[in-house]
PDB file of N, CA and C in Angstrom:
ATOM      1  N   MET A   1      73.405  81.454 191.188  1.00  0.00           N
ATOM      2  CA  MET A   1      73.478  80.441 192.208  1.00  0.00           C
ATOM      3  C   MET A   1      74.352  80.961 193.349  1.00  0.00           C
ATOM      4  N   ASN A   2      73.976  80.618 194.569  1.00  0.00           N
ATOM      5  CA  ASN A   2      74.734  81.048 195.730  1.00  0.00           C
ATOM      6  C   ASN A   2      75.758  79.989 196.127  1.00  0.00           C
ATOM      7  N   VAL A   3      76.786  80.406 196.822  1.00  0.00           N
ATOM      8  CA  VAL A   3      77.834  79.493 197.275  1.00  0.00           C
ATOM      9  C   VAL A   3      78.083  79.763 198.753  1.00  0.00           C
ATOM     10  N   CYS A   4      78.240  78.697 199.544  1.00  0.00           N
ATOM     11  CA  CYS A   4      78.586  78.872 200.944  1.00  0.00           C
ATOM     12  C   CYS A   4      79.683  77.886 201.309  1.00  0.00           C
ATOM     13  N   VAL A   5      80.503  78.271 202.271  1.00  0.00           N
ATOM     14  CA  VAL A   5      81.558  77.421 202.792  1.00  0.00           C
ATOM     15  C   VAL A   5      81.360  77.346 204.296  1.00  0.00           C
ATOM     16  N   LEU A   6      81.229  76.116 204.816  1.00  0.00           N
ATOM     17  CA  LEU A   6      80.976  75.899 206.232  1.00  0.00           C
ATOM     18  C   LEU A   6      82.019  74.964 206.809  1.00  0.00           C
ATOM     19  N   SER A   7      82.310  75.154 208.075  1.00  0.00           N
ATOM     20  CA  SER A   7      83.194  74.254 208.791  1.00  0.00           C
ATOM     21  C   SER A   7      82.531  73.918 210.112  1.00  0.00           C
ATOM     22  N   GLY A   8      82.478  72.634 210.446  1.00  0.00           N
ATOM     23  CA  GLY A   8      81.858  72.231 211.697  1.00  0.00           C
ATOM     24  C   GLY A   8      82.001  70.748 211.941  1.00  0.00           C
ATOM     25  N   ARG A   9      81.483  70.320 213.082  1.00  0.00           N
ATOM     26  CA  ARG A   9      81.549  68.916 213.485  1.00  0.00           C
ATOM     27  C   ARG A   9      80.218  68.238 213.182  1.00  0.00           C
ATOM     28  N   ILE A  10      80.263  67.014 212.667  1.00  0.00           N
ATOM     29  CA  ILE A  10      79.051  66.253 212.379  1.00  0.00           C
ATOM     30  C   ILE A  10      78.420  65.853 213.705  1.00  0.00           C
ATOM     31  N   LEU A  11      77.176  66.278 213.936  1.00  0.00           N
ATOM     32  CA  LEU A  11      76.489  66.058 215.202  1.00  0.00           C
ATOM     33  C   LEU A  11      75.518  64.890 215.185  1.00  0.00           C
ATOM     34  N   SER A  12      75.080  64.471 214.022  1.00  0.00           N
ATOM     35  CA  SER A  12      74.057  63.423 213.949  1.00  0.00           C
ATOM     36  C   SER A  12      74.559  62.239 213.138  1.00  0.00           C
ATOM     37  N   LYS A  13      73.850  61.137 213.259  1.00  0.00           N
ATOM     38  CA  LYS A  13      74.138  59.961 212.455  1.00  0.00           C
ATOM     39  C   LYS A  13      73.816  60.273 210.995  1.00  0.00           C
ATOM     40  N   LEU A  14      74.637  59.766 210.083  1.00  0.00           N
ATOM     41  CA  LEU A  14      74.380  59.972 208.662  1.00  0.00           C
ATOM     42  C   LEU A  14      73.283  59.026 208.208  1.00  0.00           C
ATOM     43  N   GLU A  15      72.257  59.574 207.561  1.00  0.00           N
ATOM     44  CA  GLU A  15      71.116  58.784 207.110  1.00  0.00           C
ATOM     45  C   GLU A  15      71.137  58.674 205.592  1.00  0.00           C
ATOM     46  N   LEU A  16      71.244  57.454 205.086  1.00  0.00           N
ATOM     47  CA  LEU A  16      71.247  57.196 203.651  1.00  0.00           C
ATOM     48  C   LEU A  16      69.852  56.759 203.227  1.00  0.00           C
ATOM     49  N   ASN A  17      69.308  57.420 202.222  1.00  0.00           N
ATOM     50  CA  ASN A  17      67.997  57.085 201.673  1.00  0.00           C
ATOM     51  C   ASN A  17      68.116  56.940 200.161  1.00  0.00           C
ATOM     52  N   PHE A  18      67.302  56.051 199.605  1.00  0.00           N
ATOM     53  CA  PHE A  18      67.236  55.891 198.157  1.00  0.00           C
ATOM     54  C   PHE A  18      65.945  56.511 197.662  1.00  0.00           C
ATOM     55  N   LEU A  19      66.031  57.284 196.588  1.00  0.00           N
ATOM     56  CA  LEU A  19      64.897  58.027 196.047  1.00  0.00           C
ATOM     57  C   LEU A  19      64.346  57.275 194.845  1.00  0.00           C
ATOM     58  N   TYR A  20      63.350  56.453 195.082  1.00  0.00           N
ATOM     59  CA  TYR A  20      62.832  55.569 194.037  1.00  0.00           C
ATOM     60  C   TYR A  20      62.026  56.290 192.964  1.00  0.00           C
ATOM     61  N   ASN A  21      61.271  57.302 193.333  1.00  0.00           N
ATOM     62  CA  ASN A  21      60.396  57.975 192.374  1.00  0.00           C
ATOM     63  C   ASN A  21      60.966  59.283 191.844  1.00  0.00           C
ATOM     64  N   SER A  22      62.231  59.536 192.078  1.00  0.00           N
ATOM     65  CA  SER A  22      62.848  60.779 191.645  1.00  0.00           C
ATOM     66  C   SER A  22      63.460  60.619 190.258  1.00  0.00           C
ATOM     67  N   LYS A  23      63.294  61.627 189.421  1.00  0.00           N
ATOM     68  CA  LYS A  23      63.891  61.619 188.092  1.00  0.00           C
ATOM     69  C   LYS A  23      65.271  62.264 188.093  1.00  0.00           C
ATOM     70  N   LEU A  24      65.604  63.016 189.160  1.00  0.00           N
ATOM     71  CA  LEU A  24      66.870  63.731 189.207  1.00  0.00           C
ATOM     72  C   LEU A  24      67.950  63.021 190.000  1.00  0.00           C
ATOM     73  N   HIS A  25      67.579  62.347 191.104  1.00  0.00           N
ATOM     74  CA  HIS A  25      68.578  61.794 192.014  1.00  0.00           C
ATOM     75  C   HIS A  25      68.267  60.345 192.360  1.00  0.00           C
ATOM     76  N   ILE A  26      69.312  59.618 192.756  1.00  0.00           N
ATOM     77  CA  ILE A  26      69.172  58.213 193.135  1.00  0.00           C
ATOM     78  C   ILE A  26      69.267  58.046 194.649  1.00  0.00           C
ATOM     79  N   SER A  27      70.258  58.693 195.269  1.00  0.00           N
ATOM     80  CA  SER A  27      70.453  58.529 196.709  1.00  0.00           C
ATOM     81  C   SER A  27      70.640  59.882 197.383  1.00  0.00           C
ATOM     82  N   LEU A  28      70.393  59.887 198.698  1.00  0.00           N
ATOM     83  CA  LEU A  28      70.466  61.113 199.496  1.00  0.00           C
ATOM     84  C   LEU A  28      71.000  60.770 200.875  1.00  0.00           C
ATOM     85  N   VAL A  29      71.991  61.535 201.336  1.00  0.00           N
ATOM     86  CA  VAL A  29      72.477  61.441 202.711  1.00  0.00           C
ATOM     87  C   VAL A  29      72.183  62.764 203.385  1.00  0.00           C
ATOM     88  N   THR A  30      71.611  62.696 204.585  1.00  0.00           N
ATOM     89  CA  THR A  30      71.360  63.900 205.368  1.00  0.00           C
ATOM     90  C   THR A  30      72.024  63.761 206.731  1.00  0.00           C
ATOM     91  N   PHE A  31      72.505  64.891 207.247  1.00  0.00           N
ATOM     92  CA  PHE A  31      73.088  64.944 208.583  1.00  0.00           C
ATOM     93  C   PHE A  31      73.142  66.399 209.033  1.00  0.00           C
ATOM     94  N   GLN A  32      73.474  66.612 210.300  1.00  0.00           N
ATOM     95  CA  GLN A  32      73.584  67.960 210.843  1.00  0.00           C
ATOM     96  C   GLN A  32      75.022  68.233 211.240  1.00  0.00           C
ATOM     97  N   ILE A  33      75.462  69.473 211.029  1.00  0.00           N
ATOM     98  CA  ILE A  33      76.754  69.890 211.558  1.00  0.00           C
ATOM     99  C   ILE A  33      76.529  71.033 212.529  1.00  0.00           C
ATOM    100  N   GLY A  34      77.403  71.123 213.494  1.00  0.00           N
ATOM    101  CA  GLY A  34      77.370  72.216 214.461  1.00  0.00           C
ATOM    102  C   GLY A  34      78.393  73.261 214.066  1.00  0.00           C
ATOM    103  N   LEU A  35      77.954  74.515 214.053  1.00  0.00           N
ATOM    104  CA  LEU A  35      78.849  75.614 213.728  1.00  0.00           C
ATOM    105  C   LEU A  35      79.427  76.193 215.015  1.00  0.00           C
ATOM    106  N   SER A  36      80.369  77.087 214.898  1.00  0.00           N
ATOM    107  CA  SER A  36      81.051  77.620 216.077  1.00  0.00           C
ATOM    108  C   SER A  36      80.152  78.465 216.974  1.00  0.00           C
ATOM    109  N   ASP A  37      79.056  78.984 216.451  1.00  0.00           N
ATOM    110  CA  ASP A  37      78.164  79.827 217.257  1.00  0.00           C
ATOM    111  C   ASP A  37      76.978  79.052 217.825  1.00  0.00           C
ATOM    112  N   GLN A  38      77.153  77.742 218.053  1.00  0.00           N
ATOM    113  CA  GLN A  38      76.152  76.861 218.668  1.00  0.00           C
ATOM    114  C   GLN A  38      74.891  76.668 217.815  1.00  0.00           C
ATOM    115  N   LYS A  39      74.950  76.974 216.538  1.00  0.00           N
ATOM    116  CA  LYS A  39      73.833  76.725 215.638  1.00  0.00           C
ATOM    117  C   LYS A  39      74.105  75.443 214.862  1.00  0.00           C
ATOM    118  N   THR A  40      73.024  74.806 214.395  1.00  0.00           N
ATOM    119  CA  THR A  40      73.171  73.605 213.575  1.00  0.00           C
ATOM    120  C   THR A  40      72.612  73.865 212.182  1.00  0.00           C
ATOM    121  N   VAL A  41      73.153  73.154 211.216  1.00  0.00           N
ATOM    122  CA  VAL A  41      72.727  73.275 209.826  1.00  0.00           C
ATOM    123  C   VAL A  41      72.489  71.877 209.284  1.00  0.00           C
ATOM    124  N   ILE A  42      71.410  71.705 208.543  1.00  0.00           N
ATOM    125  CA  ILE A  42      71.133  70.434 207.883  1.00  0.00           C
ATOM    126  C   ILE A  42      71.890  70.389 206.561  1.00  0.00           C
ATOM    127  N   ILE A  43      72.621  69.298 206.365  1.00  0.00           N
ATOM    128  CA  ILE A  43      73.437  69.116 205.166  1.00  0.00           C
ATOM    129  C   ILE A  43      72.856  67.959 204.364  1.00  0.00           C
ATOM    130  N   LYS A  44      72.783  68.133 203.038  1.00  0.00           N
ATOM    131  CA  LYS A  44      72.285  67.090 202.149  1.00  0.00           C
ATOM    132  C   LYS A  44      73.300  66.848 201.042  1.00  0.00           C
ATOM    133  N   ALA A  45      73.540  65.575 200.746  1.00  0.00           N
ATOM    134  CA  ALA A  45      74.413  65.202 199.635  1.00  0.00           C
ATOM    135  C   ALA A  45      73.663  64.200 198.765  1.00  0.00           C
ATOM    136  N   TYR A  46      73.763  64.369 197.453  1.00  0.00           N
ATOM    137  CA  TYR A  46      73.039  63.515 196.515  1.00  0.00           C
ATOM    138  C   TYR A  46      73.990  62.655 195.691  1.00  0.00           C
ATOM    139  N   ASP A  47      73.505  61.499 195.281  1.00  0.00           N
ATOM    140  CA  ASP A  47      74.134  60.606 194.309  1.00  0.00           C
ATOM    141  C   ASP A  47      75.577  60.246 194.669  1.00  0.00           C
ATOM    142  N   GLU A  48      76.573  60.563 193.827  1.00  0.00           N
ATOM    143  CA  GLU A  48      77.956  60.181 194.084  1.00  0.00           C
ATOM    144  C   GLU A  48      78.488  60.804 195.366  1.00  0.00           C
ATOM    145  N   GLN A  49      78.134  62.056 195.608  1.00  0.00           N
ATOM    146  CA  GLN A  49      78.564  62.700 196.851  1.00  0.00           C
ATOM    147  C   GLN A  49      77.958  61.994 198.053  1.00  0.00           C
ATOM    148  N   ALA A  50      76.715  61.549 197.947  1.00  0.00           N
ATOM    149  CA  ALA A  50      76.061  60.825 199.040  1.00  0.00           C
ATOM    150  C   ALA A  50      76.812  59.539 199.345  1.00  0.00           C
ATOM    151  N   ASP A  51      77.201  58.804 198.325  1.00  0.00           N
ATOM    152  CA  ASP A  51      77.944  57.562 198.515  1.00  0.00           C
ATOM    153  C   ASP A  51      79.287  57.829 199.201  1.00  0.00           C
ATOM    154  N   LYS A  52      79.996  58.866 198.747  1.00  0.00           N
ATOM    155  CA  LYS A  52      81.286  59.221 199.331  1.00  0.00           C
ATOM    156  C   LYS A  52      81.135  59.614 200.797  1.00  0.00           C
ATOM    157  N   VAL A  53      80.176  60.453 201.091  1.00  0.00           N
ATOM    158  CA  VAL A  53      79.966  60.922 202.457  1.00  0.00           C
ATOM    159  C   VAL A  53      79.608  59.753 203.367  1.00  0.00           C
ATOM    160  N   TYR A  54      78.729  58.890 202.932  1.00  0.00           N
ATOM    161  CA  TYR A  54      78.281  57.773 203.767  1.00  0.00           C
ATOM    162  C   TYR A  54      79.422  56.784 204.058  1.00  0.00           C
ATOM    163  N   ARG A  55      80.322  56.601 203.106  1.00  0.00           N
ATOM    164  CA  ARG A  55      81.444  55.672 203.298  1.00  0.00           C
ATOM    165  C   ARG A  55      82.568  56.256 204.147  1.00  0.00           C
ATOM    166  N   LYS A  56      82.868  57.556 203.979  1.00  0.00           N
ATOM    167  CA  LYS A  56      84.092  58.111 204.552  1.00  0.00           C
ATOM    168  C   LYS A  56      83.911  58.938 205.822  1.00  0.00           C
ATOM    169  N   PHE A  57      82.699  59.318 206.158  1.00  0.00           N
ATOM    170  CA  PHE A  57      82.501  60.209 207.297  1.00  0.00           C
ATOM    171  C   PHE A  57      81.611  59.558 208.342  1.00  0.00           C
ATOM    172  N   LYS A  58      81.744  60.036 209.589  1.00  0.00           N
ATOM    173  CA  LYS A  58      80.919  59.514 210.675  1.00  0.00           C
ATOM    174  C   LYS A  58      80.655  60.631 211.685  1.00  0.00           C
ATOM    175  N   LYS A  59      79.758  60.360 212.601  1.00  0.00           N
ATOM    176  CA  LYS A  59      79.420  61.318 213.650  1.00  0.00           C
ATOM    177  C   LYS A  59      80.685  61.670 214.426  1.00  0.00           C
ATOM    178  N   GLY A  60      80.886  62.965 214.654  1.00  0.00           N
ATOM    179  CA  GLY A  60      82.049  63.439 215.392  1.00  0.00           C
ATOM    180  C   GLY A  60      83.173  63.960 214.526  1.00  0.00           C
ATOM    181  N   ASP A  61      83.160  63.666 213.224  1.00  0.00           N
ATOM    182  CA  ASP A  61      84.207  64.157 212.327  1.00  0.00           C
ATOM    183  C   ASP A  61      84.071  65.662 212.124  1.00  0.00           C
ATOM    184  N   MET A  62      85.227  66.335 212.055  1.00  0.00           N
ATOM    185  CA  MET A  62      85.272  67.756 211.728  1.00  0.00           C
ATOM    186  C   MET A  62      85.388  67.857 210.210  1.00  0.00           C
ATOM    187  N   VAL A  63      84.485  68.615 209.579  1.00  0.00           N
ATOM    188  CA  VAL A  63      84.452  68.689 208.118  1.00  0.00           C
ATOM    189  C   VAL A  63      84.407  70.130 207.633  1.00  0.00           C
ATOM    190  N   MET A  64      84.845  70.322 206.405  1.00  0.00           N
ATOM    191  CA  MET A  64      84.693  71.587 205.696  1.00  0.00           C
ATOM    192  C   MET A  64      83.856  71.289 204.460  1.00  0.00           C
ATOM    193  N   ILE A  65      82.823  72.091 204.241  1.00  0.00           N
ATOM    194  CA  ILE A  65      81.860  71.838 203.169  1.00  0.00           C
ATOM    195  C   ILE A  65      81.743  73.062 202.278  1.00  0.00           C
ATOM    196  N   GLU A  66      81.798  72.828 200.966  1.00  0.00           N
ATOM    197  CA  GLU A  66      81.446  73.848 199.987  1.00  0.00           C
ATOM    198  C   GLU A  66      80.144  73.385 199.356  1.00  0.00           C
ATOM    199  N   GLY A  67      79.186  74.267 199.274  1.00  0.00           N
ATOM    200  CA  GLY A  67      77.901  73.889 198.717  1.00  0.00           C
ATOM    201  C   GLY A  67      77.071  75.100 198.387  1.00  0.00           C
ATOM    202  N   TYR A  68      75.774  74.867 198.259  1.00  0.00           N
ATOM    203  CA  TYR A  68      74.868  75.968 197.990  1.00  0.00           C
ATOM    204  C   TYR A  68      73.616  75.815 198.838  1.00  0.00           C
ATOM    205  N   LEU A  69      73.029  76.942 199.156  1.00  0.00           N
ATOM    206  CA  LEU A  69      71.863  76.979 200.024  1.00  0.00           C
ATOM    207  C   LEU A  69      70.602  76.626 199.266  1.00  0.00           C
ATOM    208  N   ASP A  70      69.717  75.926 199.933  1.00  0.00           N
ATOM    209  CA  ASP A  70      68.352  75.754 199.457  1.00  0.00           C
ATOM    210  C   ASP A  70      67.447  76.021 200.668  1.00  0.00           C
ATOM    211  N   PRO A  71      66.137  76.051 200.497  1.00  0.00           N
ATOM    212  CA  PRO A  71      65.257  76.420 201.616  1.00  0.00           C
ATOM    213  C   PRO A  71      65.353  75.514 202.841  1.00  0.00           C
ATOM    214  N   LYS A  72      65.830  74.281 202.698  1.00  0.00           N
ATOM    215  CA  LYS A  72      65.860  73.360 203.826  1.00  0.00           C
ATOM    216  C   LYS A  72      67.258  73.035 204.327  1.00  0.00           C
ATOM    217  N   GLY A  73      68.284  73.696 203.847  1.00  0.00           N
ATOM    218  CA  GLY A  73      69.631  73.410 204.317  1.00  0.00           C
ATOM    219  C   GLY A  73      70.680  73.741 203.275  1.00  0.00           C
ATOM    220  N   VAL A  74      71.751  72.959 203.294  1.00  0.00           N
ATOM    221  CA  VAL A  74      72.868  73.161 202.380  1.00  0.00           C
ATOM    222  C   VAL A  74      73.089  71.886 201.571  1.00  0.00           C
ATOM    223  N   ASN A  75      73.193  72.017 200.270  1.00  0.00           N
ATOM    224  CA  ASN A  75      73.499  70.897 199.378  1.00  0.00           C
ATOM    225  C   ASN A  75      75.003  70.864 199.138  1.00  0.00           C
ATOM    226  N   VAL A  76      75.597  69.696 199.292  1.00  0.00           N
ATOM    227  CA  VAL A  76      77.048  69.533 199.204  1.00  0.00           C
ATOM    228  C   VAL A  76      77.506  69.537 197.755  1.00  0.00           C
ATOM    229  N   LYS A  77      78.540  70.335 197.491  1.00  0.00           N
ATOM    230  CA  LYS A  77      79.245  70.270 196.216  1.00  0.00           C
ATOM    231  C   LYS A  77      80.601  69.597 196.438  1.00  0.00           C
ATOM    232  N   TYR A  78      81.258  69.923 197.562  1.00  0.00           N
ATOM    233  CA  TYR A  78      82.551  69.338 197.927  1.00  0.00           C
ATOM    234  C   TYR A  78      82.616  69.234 199.443  1.00  0.00           C
ATOM    235  N   ILE A  79      83.180  68.142 199.964  1.00  0.00           N
ATOM    236  CA  ILE A  79      83.325  67.958 201.408  1.00  0.00           C
ATOM    237  C   ILE A  79      84.661  67.284 201.687  1.00  0.00           C
ATOM    238  N   CYS A  80      85.329  67.696 202.785  1.00  0.00           N
ATOM    239  CA  CYS A  80      86.572  67.064 203.187  1.00  0.00           C
ATOM    240  C   CYS A  80      86.701  67.097 204.708  1.00  0.00           C
ATOM    241  N   LYS A  81      87.506  66.171 205.241  1.00  0.00           N
ATOM    242  CA  LYS A  81      87.777  66.144 206.673  1.00  0.00           C
ATOM    243  C   LYS A  81      88.821  67.200 207.010  1.00  0.00           C
ATOM    244  N   VAL A  82      88.676  67.770 208.198  1.00  0.00           N
ATOM    245  CA  VAL A  82      89.666  68.705 208.708  1.00  0.00           C
ATOM    246  C   VAL A  82      90.450  67.981 209.795  1.00  0.00           C
ATOM    247  N   ALA A  83      91.758  67.969 209.660  1.00  0.00           N
ATOM    248  CA  ALA A  83      92.581  67.212 210.624  1.00  0.00           C
ATOM    249  C   ALA A  83      92.621  67.856 211.979  1.00  0.00           C
TER     250      ALA A  83
END
């Protein structure tokens, strides 16, 4: 499994979705962060992490994310605000 660590500002509104027909996950939050080189990355958080992200973070927050890559973006393992 691969591991990545990213730091950037949340550029988009956080979107919470419920996965009704999924056997693996219940909820999903997706958003984009901007990196220092003007690129954006799609971030996804599932289940408990999705609930935490949706409650505690908003557009414009600076965050540090530890996660792993998948073909469509980065899946969150750990996320925190950067002061």
